[in-house]
Amino acid sequence: MYECALGIGAFTWDEVHNKLDIVQAQVLQIKRQMSEAPKREVSLAGMHHTWRSLLYLIHRCPYLPSTAQDKHLPVFMN
């Protein structure tokens, strides 16, 4: 779950693009190649800082640290 949140942050927060394993031009190319629906979702996630909210919710999930990684999503969703 943490990787999902941080991945969303890395992809939508332009200020960290220069710290990624891929260059900003590659991120922009990926965004240009997306169809309209994913572009809208990425735009909304960036505008509303979805990654921050997700990190906060993950941190507040009491059972996540003691759960196997492959079970994180079902535990988080309950």
C-alpha atoms as a PDB file:
ATOM      1  CA  MET A   1       0.000   0.000   0.000  1.00  0.00           C
ATOM      2  CA  TYR A   2       2.844   2.380   0.806  1.00  0.00           C
ATOM      3  CA  GLU A   3       4.363   1.736  -2.617  1.00  0.00           C
ATOM      4  CA  CYS A   4       1.032   2.513  -4.279  1.00  0.00           C
ATOM      5  CA  ALA A   5       0.702   5.800  -2.429  1.00  0.00           C
ATOM      6  CA  LEU A   6       4.294   6.805  -3.132  1.00  0.00           C
ATOM      7  CA  GLY A   7       3.951   5.765  -6.771  1.00  0.00           C
ATOM      8  CA  ILE A   8       0.913   8.010  -7.153  1.00  0.00           C
ATOM      9  CA  GLY A   9       2.846  10.824  -5.506  1.00  0.00           C
ATOM     10  CA  ALA A  10       5.886  10.332  -7.708  1.00  0.00           C
ATOM     11  CA  PHE A  11       3.800  10.280 -10.868  1.00  0.00           C
ATOM     12  CA  THR A  12       1.551  13.237 -10.044  1.00  0.00           C
ATOM     13  CA  TRP A  13       3.860  15.558  -8.094  1.00  0.00           C
ATOM     14  CA  ASP A  14       6.088  17.332 -10.612  1.00  0.00           C
ATOM     15  CA  GLU A  15       8.507  18.547  -7.936  1.00  0.00           C
ATOM     16  CA  VAL A  16       9.887  15.022  -7.391  1.00  0.00           C
ATOM     17  CA  HIS A  17      10.268  14.005 -11.024  1.00  0.00           C
ATOM     18  CA  ASN A  18      13.968  14.935 -10.974  1.00  0.00           C
ATOM     19  CA  LYS A  19      14.504  12.437  -8.136  1.00  0.00           C
ATOM     20  CA  LEU A  20      13.005   9.415  -9.916  1.00  0.00           C
ATOM     21  CA  ASP A  21      14.818   6.579 -11.663  1.00  0.00           C
ATOM     22  CA  ILE A  22      13.307   7.812 -14.930  1.00  0.00           C
ATOM     23  CA  VAL A  23      13.696  11.341 -16.253  1.00  0.00           C
ATOM     24  CA  GLN A  24      10.864  13.857 -16.329  1.00  0.00           C
ATOM     25  CA  ALA A  25      10.639  13.587 -20.123  1.00  0.00           C
ATOM     26  CA  GLN A  26       9.729   9.907 -19.747  1.00  0.00           C
ATOM     27  CA  VAL A  27       7.014  10.719 -17.193  1.00  0.00           C
ATOM     28  CA  LEU A  28       5.586  13.337 -19.539  1.00  0.00           C
ATOM     29  CA  GLN A  29       5.709  10.898 -22.458  1.00  0.00           C
ATOM     30  CA  ILE A  30       3.778   8.305 -20.432  1.00  0.00           C
ATOM     31  CA  LYS A  31       1.165  10.920 -19.539  1.00  0.00           C
ATOM     32  CA  ARG A  32       0.830  11.994 -23.194  1.00  0.00           C
ATOM     33  CA  GLN A  33       0.290   8.393 -24.297  1.00  0.00           C
ATOM     34  CA  MET A  34      -2.571   7.781 -21.858  1.00  0.00           C
ATOM     35  CA  SER A  35      -6.136   7.831 -23.048  1.00  0.00           C
ATOM     36  CA  GLU A  36      -8.455  10.550 -21.743  1.00  0.00           C
ATOM     37  CA  ALA A  37      -9.967   8.615 -18.810  1.00  0.00           C
ATOM     38  CA  PRO A  38      -6.629   7.830 -17.112  1.00  0.00           C
ATOM     39  CA  LYS A  39      -5.423  11.384 -17.841  1.00  0.00           C
ATOM     40  CA  ARG A  40      -8.434  12.766 -15.953  1.00  0.00           C
ATOM     41  CA  GLU A  41      -7.813  10.405 -13.023  1.00  0.00           C
ATOM     42  CA  VAL A  42      -4.120  11.317 -12.848  1.00  0.00           C
ATOM     43  CA  SER A  43      -5.008  15.005 -13.008  1.00  0.00           C
ATOM     44  CA  LEU A  44      -7.526  14.666 -10.172  1.00  0.00           C
ATOM     45  CA  ALA A  45      -5.090  12.631  -8.084  1.00  0.00           C
ATOM     46  CA  GLY A  46      -2.485  15.350  -8.554  1.00  0.00           C
ATOM     47  CA  MET A  47      -4.847  18.250  -7.802  1.00  0.00           C
ATOM     48  CA  HIS A  48      -6.172  16.662  -4.625  1.00  0.00           C
ATOM     49  CA  HIS A  49      -2.878  15.159  -3.406  1.00  0.00           C
ATOM     50  CA  THR A  50      -4.434  11.703  -3.255  1.00  0.00           C
ATOM     51  CA  TRP A  51      -1.089  10.176  -2.279  1.00  0.00           C
ATOM     52  CA  ARG A  52      -0.957  12.199   0.962  1.00  0.00           C
ATOM     53  CA  SER A  53      -4.447  11.160   1.982  1.00  0.00           C
ATOM     54  CA  LEU A  54      -3.702   7.561   1.132  1.00  0.00           C
ATOM     55  CA  LEU A  55      -0.504   7.616   3.232  1.00  0.00           C
ATOM     56  CA  TYR A  56      -2.457   9.044   6.146  1.00  0.00           C
ATOM     57  CA  LEU A  57      -5.133   6.344   5.883  1.00  0.00           C
ATOM     58  CA  ILE A  58      -2.513   3.606   5.571  1.00  0.00           C
ATOM     59  CA  HIS A  59      -0.770   4.909   8.669  1.00  0.00           C
ATOM     60  CA  ARG A  60      -4.066   4.815  10.562  1.00  0.00           C
ATOM     61  CA  CYS A  61      -4.821   1.185   9.563  1.00  0.00           C
ATOM     62  CA  PRO A  62      -3.919  -0.758  12.748  1.00  0.00           C
ATOM     63  CA  TYR A  63      -3.664  -4.209  11.155  1.00  0.00           C
ATOM     64  CA  LEU A  64      -1.498  -3.374   8.156  1.00  0.00           C
ATOM     65  CA  PRO A  65       1.955  -3.706   9.805  1.00  0.00           C
ATOM     66  CA  SER A  66       1.196  -7.232  11.015  1.00  0.00           C
ATOM     67  CA  THR A  67      -0.292  -8.366   7.687  1.00  0.00           C
ATOM     68  CA  ALA A  68       1.561 -10.104   4.857  1.00  0.00           C
ATOM     69  CA  GLN A  69       2.225  -7.726   1.974  1.00  0.00           C
ATOM     70  CA  ASP A  70       0.093  -9.716  -0.472  1.00  0.00           C
ATOM     71  CA  LYS A  71      -2.890  -9.225   1.880  1.00  0.00           C
ATOM     72  CA  HIS A  72      -2.470  -5.456   2.379  1.00  0.00           C
ATOM     73  CA  LEU A  73      -5.185  -4.361  -0.039  1.00  0.00           C
ATOM     74  CA  PRO A  74      -7.980  -6.586   1.358  1.00  0.00           C
ATOM     75  CA  VAL A  75      -7.064  -5.620   4.937  1.00  0.00           C
ATOM     76  CA  PHE A  76      -6.888  -1.945   4.034  1.00  0.00           C
ATOM     77  CA  MET A  77     -10.228  -2.029   2.239  1.00  0.00           C
ATOM     78  CA  ASN A  78     -12.078  -3.494   5.260  1.00  0.00           C
END
